[in-house]
Amino acid sequence: MGVCQHSVIKWETGAATPEVRFYPAIIKFLRYEPWPDPLTIADTLVAERRRRGLSAKMVARMAGLDEATFTRIEAGKVSSSR
């Protein structure tokens, strides 16, 4: 996965959380996504970002949004009527 054994142990014990850039390798290694299935559009955005190993900051920049706005969208705090 491109990380040392110590990092994996920290992830497994909850002492650390993997950086999002490692998520695609984790998904490939496990052969499944270790998160609940998305139920909302906001959840789907988060899931797709994880699959691609992208940070919220990176996706916000690609979408032409500031990070705070994108984070609110992912949290489901921005209505579609705006």
PDB file of N, CA and C in Angstrom:
ATOM      1  N   MET A   1       0.818  -1.201   0.000  1.00  0.00           N
ATOM      2  CA  MET A   1       0.000   0.000   0.000  1.00  0.00           C
ATOM      3  C   MET A   1       0.859   1.261   0.000  1.00  0.00           C
ATOM      4  N   GLY A   2       2.151   1.077   0.083  1.00  0.00           N
ATOM      5  CA  GLY A   2       3.036   2.230   0.063  1.00  0.00           C
ATOM      6  C   GLY A   2       3.270   2.856   1.425  1.00  0.00           C
ATOM      7  N   VAL A   3       3.002   2.113   2.493  1.00  0.00           N
ATOM      8  CA  VAL A   3       3.248   2.608   3.852  1.00  0.00           C
ATOM      9  C   VAL A   3       4.012   1.546   4.639  1.00  0.00           C
ATOM     10  N   CYS A   4       4.626   1.973   5.723  1.00  0.00           N
ATOM     11  CA  CYS A   4       5.365   1.020   6.549  1.00  0.00           C
ATOM     12  C   CYS A   4       4.400   0.234   7.450  1.00  0.00           C
ATOM     13  N   GLN A   5       4.900  -0.877   7.965  1.00  0.00           N
ATOM     14  CA  GLN A   5       4.100  -1.745   8.833  1.00  0.00           C
ATOM     15  C   GLN A   5       3.625  -0.985  10.072  1.00  0.00           C
ATOM     16  N   HIS A   6       4.462  -0.108  10.594  1.00  0.00           N
ATOM     17  CA  HIS A   6       4.108   0.676  11.786  1.00  0.00           C
ATOM     18  C   HIS A   6       2.850   1.515  11.538  1.00  0.00           C
ATOM     19  N   SER A   7       2.742   2.095  10.349  1.00  0.00           N
ATOM     20  CA  SER A   7       1.558   2.899  10.016  1.00  0.00           C
ATOM     21  C   SER A   7       0.304   2.035  10.013  1.00  0.00           C
ATOM     22  N   VAL A   8       0.399   0.858   9.411  1.00  0.00           N
ATOM     23  CA  VAL A   8      -0.759  -0.040   9.351  1.00  0.00           C
ATOM     24  C   VAL A   8      -1.182  -0.454  10.758  1.00  0.00           C
ATOM     25  N   ILE A   9      -0.223  -0.750  11.608  1.00  0.00           N
ATOM     26  CA  ILE A   9      -0.540  -1.114  12.992  1.00  0.00           C
ATOM     27  C   ILE A   9      -1.264   0.032  13.695  1.00  0.00           C
ATOM     28  N   LYS A  10      -0.804   1.266  13.476  1.00  0.00           N
ATOM     29  CA  LYS A  10      -1.463   2.425  14.089  1.00  0.00           C
ATOM     30  C   LYS A  10      -2.890   2.573  13.575  1.00  0.00           C
ATOM     31  N   TRP A  11      -3.114   2.309  12.293  1.00  0.00           N
ATOM     32  CA  TRP A  11      -4.468   2.378  11.740  1.00  0.00           C
ATOM     33  C   TRP A  11      -5.348   1.307  12.376  1.00  0.00           C
ATOM     34  N   GLU A  12      -4.814   0.097  12.448  1.00  0.00           N
ATOM     35  CA  GLU A  12      -5.596  -1.029  12.984  1.00  0.00           C
ATOM     36  C   GLU A  12      -5.951  -0.860  14.457  1.00  0.00           C
ATOM     37  N   THR A  13      -5.081  -0.212  15.215  1.00  0.00           N
ATOM     38  CA  THR A  13      -5.323  -0.033  16.649  1.00  0.00           C
ATOM     39  C   THR A  13      -6.070   1.254  16.957  1.00  0.00           C
ATOM     40  N   GLY A  14      -6.324   2.067  15.939  1.00  0.00           N
ATOM     41  CA  GLY A  14      -7.026   3.318  16.149  1.00  0.00           C
ATOM     42  C   GLY A  14      -6.141   4.442  16.659  1.00  0.00           C
ATOM     43  N   ALA A  15      -4.827   4.223  16.674  1.00  0.00           N
ATOM     44  CA  ALA A  15      -3.896   5.256  17.126  1.00  0.00           C
ATOM     45  C   ALA A  15      -3.703   6.332  16.070  1.00  0.00           C
ATOM     46  N   ALA A  16      -4.068   6.034  14.825  1.00  0.00           N
ATOM     47  CA  ALA A  16      -3.951   7.004  13.733  1.00  0.00           C
ATOM     48  C   ALA A  16      -5.004   6.663  12.685  1.00  0.00           C
ATOM     49  N   THR A  17      -5.312   7.645  11.868  1.00  0.00           N
ATOM     50  CA  THR A  17      -6.245   7.470  10.758  1.00  0.00           C
ATOM     51  C   THR A  17      -5.458   7.635   9.465  1.00  0.00           C
ATOM     52  N   PRO A  18      -5.690   6.768   8.487  1.00  0.00           N
ATOM     53  CA  PRO A  18      -4.959   6.909   7.228  1.00  0.00           C
ATOM     54  C   PRO A  18      -5.283   8.239   6.540  1.00  0.00           C
ATOM     55  N   GLU A  19      -4.300   8.799   5.878  1.00  0.00           N
ATOM     56  CA  GLU A  19      -4.562   9.974   5.052  1.00  0.00           C
ATOM     57  C   GLU A  19      -5.402   9.519   3.862  1.00  0.00           C
ATOM     58  N   VAL A  20      -6.234  10.419   3.383  1.00  0.00           N
ATOM     59  CA  VAL A  20      -7.160  10.081   2.301  1.00  0.00           C
ATOM     60  C   VAL A  20      -6.417   9.594   1.065  1.00  0.00           C
ATOM     61  N   ARG A  21      -5.189  10.026   0.869  1.00  0.00           N
ATOM     62  CA  ARG A  21      -4.437   9.595  -0.314  1.00  0.00           C
ATOM     63  C   ARG A  21      -4.157   8.093  -0.308  1.00  0.00           C
ATOM     64  N   PHE A  22      -4.243   7.450   0.866  1.00  0.00           N
ATOM     65  CA  PHE A  22      -4.026   6.011   0.955  1.00  0.00           C
ATOM     66  C   PHE A  22      -5.303   5.199   0.761  1.00  0.00           C
ATOM     67  N   TYR A  23      -6.466   5.836   0.743  1.00  0.00           N
ATOM     68  CA  TYR A  23      -7.728   5.110   0.650  1.00  0.00           C
ATOM     69  C   TYR A  23      -7.841   4.222  -0.586  1.00  0.00           C
ATOM     70  N   PRO A  24      -7.443   4.683  -1.784  1.00  0.00           N
ATOM     71  CA  PRO A  24      -7.554   3.773  -2.935  1.00  0.00           C
ATOM     72  C   PRO A  24      -6.753   2.479  -2.740  1.00  0.00           C
ATOM     73  N   ALA A  25      -5.554   2.571  -2.177  1.00  0.00           N
ATOM     74  CA  ALA A  25      -4.737   1.376  -1.941  1.00  0.00           C
ATOM     75  C   ALA A  25      -5.362   0.487  -0.872  1.00  0.00           C
ATOM     76  N   ILE A  26      -5.961   1.102   0.145  1.00  0.00           N
ATOM     77  CA  ILE A  26      -6.626   0.337   1.198  1.00  0.00           C
ATOM     78  C   ILE A  26      -7.816  -0.421   0.621  1.00  0.00           C
ATOM     79  N   ILE A  27      -8.611   0.261  -0.190  1.00  0.00           N
ATOM     80  CA  ILE A  27      -9.776  -0.372  -0.827  1.00  0.00           C
ATOM     81  C   ILE A  27      -9.323  -1.527  -1.725  1.00  0.00           C
ATOM     82  N   LYS A  28      -8.280  -1.298  -2.484  1.00  0.00           N
ATOM     83  CA  LYS A  28      -7.765  -2.356  -3.370  1.00  0.00           C
ATOM     84  C   LYS A  28      -7.260  -3.545  -2.552  1.00  0.00           C
ATOM     85  N   PHE A  29      -6.531  -3.286  -1.476  1.00  0.00           N
ATOM     86  CA  PHE A  29      -5.996  -4.353  -0.636  1.00  0.00           C
ATOM     87  C   PHE A  29      -7.119  -5.167   0.016  1.00  0.00           C
ATOM     88  N   LEU A  30      -8.106  -4.474   0.578  1.00  0.00           N
ATOM     89  CA  LEU A  30      -9.208  -5.155   1.265  1.00  0.00           C
ATOM     90  C   LEU A  30     -10.203  -5.800   0.307  1.00  0.00           C
ATOM     91  N   ARG A  31     -10.248  -5.277  -0.921  1.00  0.00           N
ATOM     92  CA  ARG A  31     -11.219  -5.699  -1.943  1.00  0.00           C
ATOM     93  C   ARG A  31     -12.643  -5.305  -1.584  1.00  0.00           C
ATOM     94  N   TYR A  32     -12.761  -4.289  -0.766  1.00  0.00           N
ATOM     95  CA  TYR A  32     -14.067  -3.689  -0.463  1.00  0.00           C
ATOM     96  C   TYR A  32     -13.818  -2.335   0.199  1.00  0.00           C
ATOM     97  N   GLU A  33     -14.866  -1.545   0.290  1.00  0.00           N
ATOM     98  CA  GLU A  33     -14.768  -0.248   0.952  1.00  0.00           C
ATOM     99  C   GLU A  33     -15.182  -0.426   2.408  1.00  0.00           C
ATOM    100  N   PRO A  34     -14.296  -0.093   3.339  1.00  0.00           N
ATOM    101  CA  PRO A  34     -14.577  -0.350   4.756  1.00  0.00           C
ATOM    102  C   PRO A  34     -15.445   0.717   5.426  1.00  0.00           C
ATOM    103  N   TRP A  35     -16.378   1.267   4.683  1.00  0.00           N
ATOM    104  CA  TRP A  35     -17.285   2.272   5.221  1.00  0.00           C
ATOM    105  C   TRP A  35     -18.711   1.870   4.871  1.00  0.00           C
ATOM    106  N   PRO A  36     -19.682   2.392   5.596  1.00  0.00           N
ATOM    107  CA  PRO A  36     -21.077   2.088   5.254  1.00  0.00           C
ATOM    108  C   PRO A  36     -21.419   2.602   3.859  1.00  0.00           C
ATOM    109  N   ASP A  37     -22.373   1.947   3.210  1.00  0.00           N
ATOM    110  CA  ASP A  37     -22.831   2.417   1.903  1.00  0.00           C
ATOM    111  C   ASP A  37     -23.425   3.815   2.045  1.00  0.00           C
ATOM    112  N   PRO A  38     -23.158   4.679   1.070  1.00  0.00           N
ATOM    113  CA  PRO A  38     -23.721   6.035   1.141  1.00  0.00           C
ATOM    114  C   PRO A  38     -25.245   6.009   1.032  1.00  0.00           C
ATOM    115  N   LEU A  39     -25.892   6.854   1.834  1.00  0.00           N
ATOM    116  CA  LEU A  39     -27.353   6.925   1.832  1.00  0.00           C
ATOM    117  C   LEU A  39     -27.877   8.234   1.254  1.00  0.00           C
ATOM    118  N   THR A  40     -27.034   9.243   1.235  1.00  0.00           N
ATOM    119  CA  THR A  40     -27.450  10.561   0.746  1.00  0.00           C
ATOM    120  C   THR A  40     -26.487  11.018  -0.346  1.00  0.00           C
ATOM    121  N   ILE A  41     -26.853  12.086  -1.007  1.00  0.00           N
ATOM    122  CA  ILE A  41     -25.957  12.659  -2.018  1.00  0.00           C
ATOM    123  C   ILE A  41     -24.660  13.116  -1.358  1.00  0.00           C
ATOM    124  N   ALA A  42     -24.767  13.701  -0.182  1.00  0.00           N
ATOM    125  CA  ALA A  42     -23.571  14.143   0.542  1.00  0.00           C
ATOM    126  C   ALA A  42     -22.666  12.949   0.863  1.00  0.00           C
ATOM    127  N   ASP A  43     -23.255  11.850   1.327  1.00  0.00           N
ATOM    128  CA  ASP A  43     -22.476  10.637   1.607  1.00  0.00           C
ATOM    129  C   ASP A  43     -21.806  10.111   0.341  1.00  0.00           C
ATOM    130  N   THR A  44     -22.508  10.197  -0.770  1.00  0.00           N
ATOM    131  CA  THR A  44     -21.976   9.729  -2.042  1.00  0.00           C
ATOM    132  C   THR A  44     -20.771  10.561  -2.473  1.00  0.00           C
ATOM    133  N   LEU A  45     -20.834  11.864  -2.237  1.00  0.00           N
ATOM    134  CA  LEU A  45     -19.683  12.721  -2.543  1.00  0.00           C
ATOM    135  C   LEU A  45     -18.462  12.311  -1.731  1.00  0.00           C
ATOM    136  N   VAL A  46     -18.671  12.072  -0.443  1.00  0.00           N
ATOM    137  CA  VAL A  46     -17.567  11.650   0.429  1.00  0.00           C
ATOM    138  C   VAL A  46     -17.008  10.316  -0.055  1.00  0.00           C
ATOM    139  N   ALA A  47     -17.891   9.370  -0.358  1.00  0.00           N
ATOM    140  CA  ALA A  47     -17.459   8.040  -0.795  1.00  0.00           C
ATOM    141  C   ALA A  47     -16.639   8.124  -2.076  1.00  0.00           C
ATOM    142  N   GLU A  48     -17.091   8.912  -3.014  1.00  0.00           N
ATOM    143  CA  GLU A  48     -16.363   9.021  -4.285  1.00  0.00           C
ATOM    144  C   GLU A  48     -15.018   9.712  -4.088  1.00  0.00           C
ATOM    145  N   ARG A  49     -14.980  10.701  -3.223  1.00  0.00           N
ATOM    146  CA  ARG A  49     -13.716  11.377  -2.933  1.00  0.00           C
ATOM    147  C   ARG A  49     -12.725  10.393  -2.305  1.00  0.00           C
ATOM    148  N   ARG A  50     -13.203   9.550  -1.400  1.00  0.00           N
ATOM    149  CA  ARG A  50     -12.342   8.532  -0.784  1.00  0.00           C
ATOM    150  C   ARG A  50     -11.812   7.559  -1.826  1.00  0.00           C
ATOM    151  N   ARG A  51     -12.711   7.096  -2.705  1.00  0.00           N
ATOM    152  CA  ARG A  51     -12.299   6.145  -3.741  1.00  0.00           C
ATOM    153  C   ARG A  51     -11.152   6.688  -4.576  1.00  0.00           C
ATOM    154  N   ARG A  52     -11.191   7.967  -4.805  1.00  0.00           N
ATOM    155  CA  ARG A  52     -10.171   8.601  -5.646  1.00  0.00           C
ATOM    156  C   ARG A  52      -8.964   9.095  -4.857  1.00  0.00           C
ATOM    157  N   GLY A  53      -9.050   9.028  -3.526  1.00  0.00           N
ATOM    158  CA  GLY A  53      -7.925   9.449  -2.695  1.00  0.00           C
ATOM    159  C   GLY A  53      -7.701  10.948  -2.691  1.00  0.00           C
ATOM    160  N   LEU A  54      -8.788  11.704  -2.795  1.00  0.00           N
ATOM    161  CA  LEU A  54      -8.700  13.160  -2.872  1.00  0.00           C
ATOM    162  C   LEU A  54      -9.142  13.817  -1.573  1.00  0.00           C
ATOM    163  N   SER A  55      -8.462  14.867  -1.193  1.00  0.00           N
ATOM    164  CA  SER A  55      -8.871  15.646  -0.022  1.00  0.00           C
ATOM    165  C   SER A  55     -10.017  16.572  -0.403  1.00  0.00           C
ATOM    166  N   ALA A  56     -10.725  17.046   0.595  1.00  0.00           N
ATOM    167  CA  ALA A  56     -11.808  18.013   0.354  1.00  0.00           C
ATOM    168  C   ALA A  56     -11.243  19.271  -0.290  1.00  0.00           C
ATOM    169  N   LYS A  57     -10.070  19.671   0.135  1.00  0.00           N
ATOM    170  CA  LYS A  57      -9.423  20.862  -0.422  1.00  0.00           C
ATOM    171  C   LYS A  57      -9.160  20.686  -1.916  1.00  0.00           C
ATOM    172  N   MET A  58      -8.687  19.508  -2.312  1.00  0.00           N
ATOM    173  CA  MET A  58      -8.405  19.244  -3.718  1.00  0.00           C
ATOM    174  C   MET A  58      -9.680  19.274  -4.561  1.00  0.00           C
ATOM    175  N   VAL A  59     -10.743  18.621  -4.057  1.00  0.00           N
ATOM    176  CA  VAL A  59     -11.995  18.575  -4.812  1.00  0.00           C
ATOM    177  C   VAL A  59     -12.631  19.961  -4.882  1.00  0.00           C
ATOM    178  N   ALA A  60     -12.569  20.701  -3.793  1.00  0.00           N
ATOM    179  CA  ALA A  60     -13.102  22.066  -3.796  1.00  0.00           C
ATOM    180  C   ALA A  60     -12.419  22.893  -4.871  1.00  0.00           C
ATOM    181  N   ARG A  61     -11.106  22.778  -4.937  1.00  0.00           N
ATOM    182  CA  ARG A  61     -10.350  23.529  -5.951  1.00  0.00           C
ATOM    183  C   ARG A  61     -10.772  23.111  -7.349  1.00  0.00           C
ATOM    184  N   MET A  62     -10.935  21.805  -7.592  1.00  0.00           N
ATOM    185  CA  MET A  62     -11.355  21.313  -8.907  1.00  0.00           C
ATOM    186  C   MET A  62     -12.753  21.797  -9.266  1.00  0.00           C
ATOM    187  N   ALA A  63     -13.612  21.942  -8.251  1.00  0.00           N
ATOM    188  CA  ALA A  63     -14.999  22.368  -8.478  1.00  0.00           C
ATOM    189  C   ALA A  63     -15.140  23.890  -8.505  1.00  0.00           C
ATOM    190  N   GLY A  64     -14.046  24.593  -8.220  1.00  0.00           N
ATOM    191  CA  GLY A  64     -14.111  26.052  -8.212  1.00  0.00           C
ATOM    192  C   GLY A  64     -14.809  26.606  -6.981  1.00  0.00           C
ATOM    193  N   LEU A  65     -14.745  25.867  -5.872  1.00  0.00           N
ATOM    194  CA  LEU A  65     -15.375  26.288  -4.619  1.00  0.00           C
ATOM    195  C   LEU A  65     -14.308  26.494  -3.557  1.00  0.00           C
ATOM    196  N   ASP A  66     -14.654  27.265  -2.534  1.00  0.00           N
ATOM    197  CA  ASP A  66     -13.734  27.327  -1.402  1.00  0.00           C
ATOM    198  C   ASP A  66     -13.949  26.076  -0.559  1.00  0.00           C
ATOM    199  N   GLU A  67     -12.931  25.708   0.200  1.00  0.00           N
ATOM    200  CA  GLU A  67     -12.972  24.463   0.962  1.00  0.00           C
ATOM    201  C   GLU A  67     -14.115  24.433   1.971  1.00  0.00           C
ATOM    202  N   ALA A  68     -14.398  25.558   2.613  1.00  0.00           N
ATOM    203  CA  ALA A  68     -15.466  25.611   3.616  1.00  0.00           C
ATOM    204  C   ALA A  68     -16.821  25.300   2.979  1.00  0.00           C
ATOM    205  N   THR A  69     -17.061  25.843   1.802  1.00  0.00           N
ATOM    206  CA  THR A  69     -18.328  25.577   1.108  1.00  0.00           C
ATOM    207  C   THR A  69     -18.432  24.111   0.732  1.00  0.00           C
ATOM    208  N   PHE A  70     -17.363  23.568   0.184  1.00  0.00           N
ATOM    209  CA  PHE A  70     -17.392  22.152  -0.190  1.00  0.00           C
ATOM    210  C   PHE A  70     -17.592  21.257   1.027  1.00  0.00           C
ATOM    211  N   THR A  71     -16.955  21.588   2.123  1.00  0.00           N
ATOM    212  CA  THR A  71     -17.104  20.810   3.359  1.00  0.00           C
ATOM    213  C   THR A  71     -18.552  20.844   3.838  1.00  0.00           C
ATOM    214  N   ARG A  72     -19.211  22.008   3.722  1.00  0.00           N
ATOM    215  CA  ARG A  72     -20.631  22.096   4.100  1.00  0.00           C
ATOM    216  C   ARG A  72     -21.493  21.237   3.172  1.00  0.00           C
ATOM    217  N   ILE A  73     -21.153  21.218   1.881  1.00  0.00           N
ATOM    218  CA  ILE A  73     -21.904  20.388   0.924  1.00  0.00           C
ATOM    219  C   ILE A  73     -21.764  18.918   1.311  1.00  0.00           C
ATOM    220  N   GLU A  74     -20.541  18.476   1.589  1.00  0.00           N
ATOM    221  CA  GLU A  74     -20.324  17.086   1.973  1.00  0.00           C
ATOM    222  C   GLU A  74     -21.025  16.735   3.282  1.00  0.00           C
ATOM    223  N   ALA A  75     -21.169  17.701   4.151  1.00  0.00           N
ATOM    224  CA  ALA A  75     -21.850  17.455   5.425  1.00  0.00           C
ATOM    225  C   ALA A  75     -23.363  17.524   5.273  1.00  0.00           C
ATOM    226  N   GLY A  76     -23.846  17.854   4.064  1.00  0.00           N
ATOM    227  CA  GLY A  76     -25.277  17.945   3.825  1.00  0.00           C
ATOM    228  C   GLY A  76     -25.901  19.202   4.379  1.00  0.00           C
ATOM    229  N   LYS A  77     -25.082  20.227   4.589  1.00  0.00           N
ATOM    230  CA  LYS A  77     -25.572  21.468   5.197  1.00  0.00           C
ATOM    231  C   LYS A  77     -25.879  22.565   4.186  1.00  0.00           C
ATOM    232  N   VAL A  78     -25.822  22.248   2.898  1.00  0.00           N
ATOM    233  CA  VAL A  78     -26.150  23.221   1.866  1.00  0.00           C
ATOM    234  C   VAL A  78     -27.292  22.638   1.077  1.00  0.00           C
ATOM    235  N   SER A  79     -28.393  23.358   1.009  1.00  0.00           N
ATOM    236  CA  SER A  79     -29.555  22.834   0.282  1.00  0.00           C
ATOM    237  C   SER A  79     -29.372  23.012  -1.214  1.00  0.00           C
ATOM    238  N   SER A  80     -30.058  22.204  -1.977  1.00  0.00           N
ATOM    239  CA  SER A  80     -29.960  22.274  -3.439  1.00  0.00           C
ATOM    240  C   SER A  80     -30.717  23.451  -4.009  1.00  0.00           C
ATOM    241  N   SER A  81     -31.480  24.160  -3.168  1.00  0.00           N
ATOM    242  CA  SER A  81     -32.260  25.295  -3.646  1.00  0.00           C
ATOM    243  C   SER A  81     -31.445  26.566  -3.740  1.00  0.00           C
ATOM    244  N   ARG A  82     -30.211  26.549  -3.294  1.00  0.00           N
ATOM    245  CA  ARG A  82     -29.358  27.746  -3.335  1.00  0.00           C
ATOM    246  C   ARG A  82     -28.900  28.048  -4.719  1.00  0.00           C
TER     247      ARG A  82
END
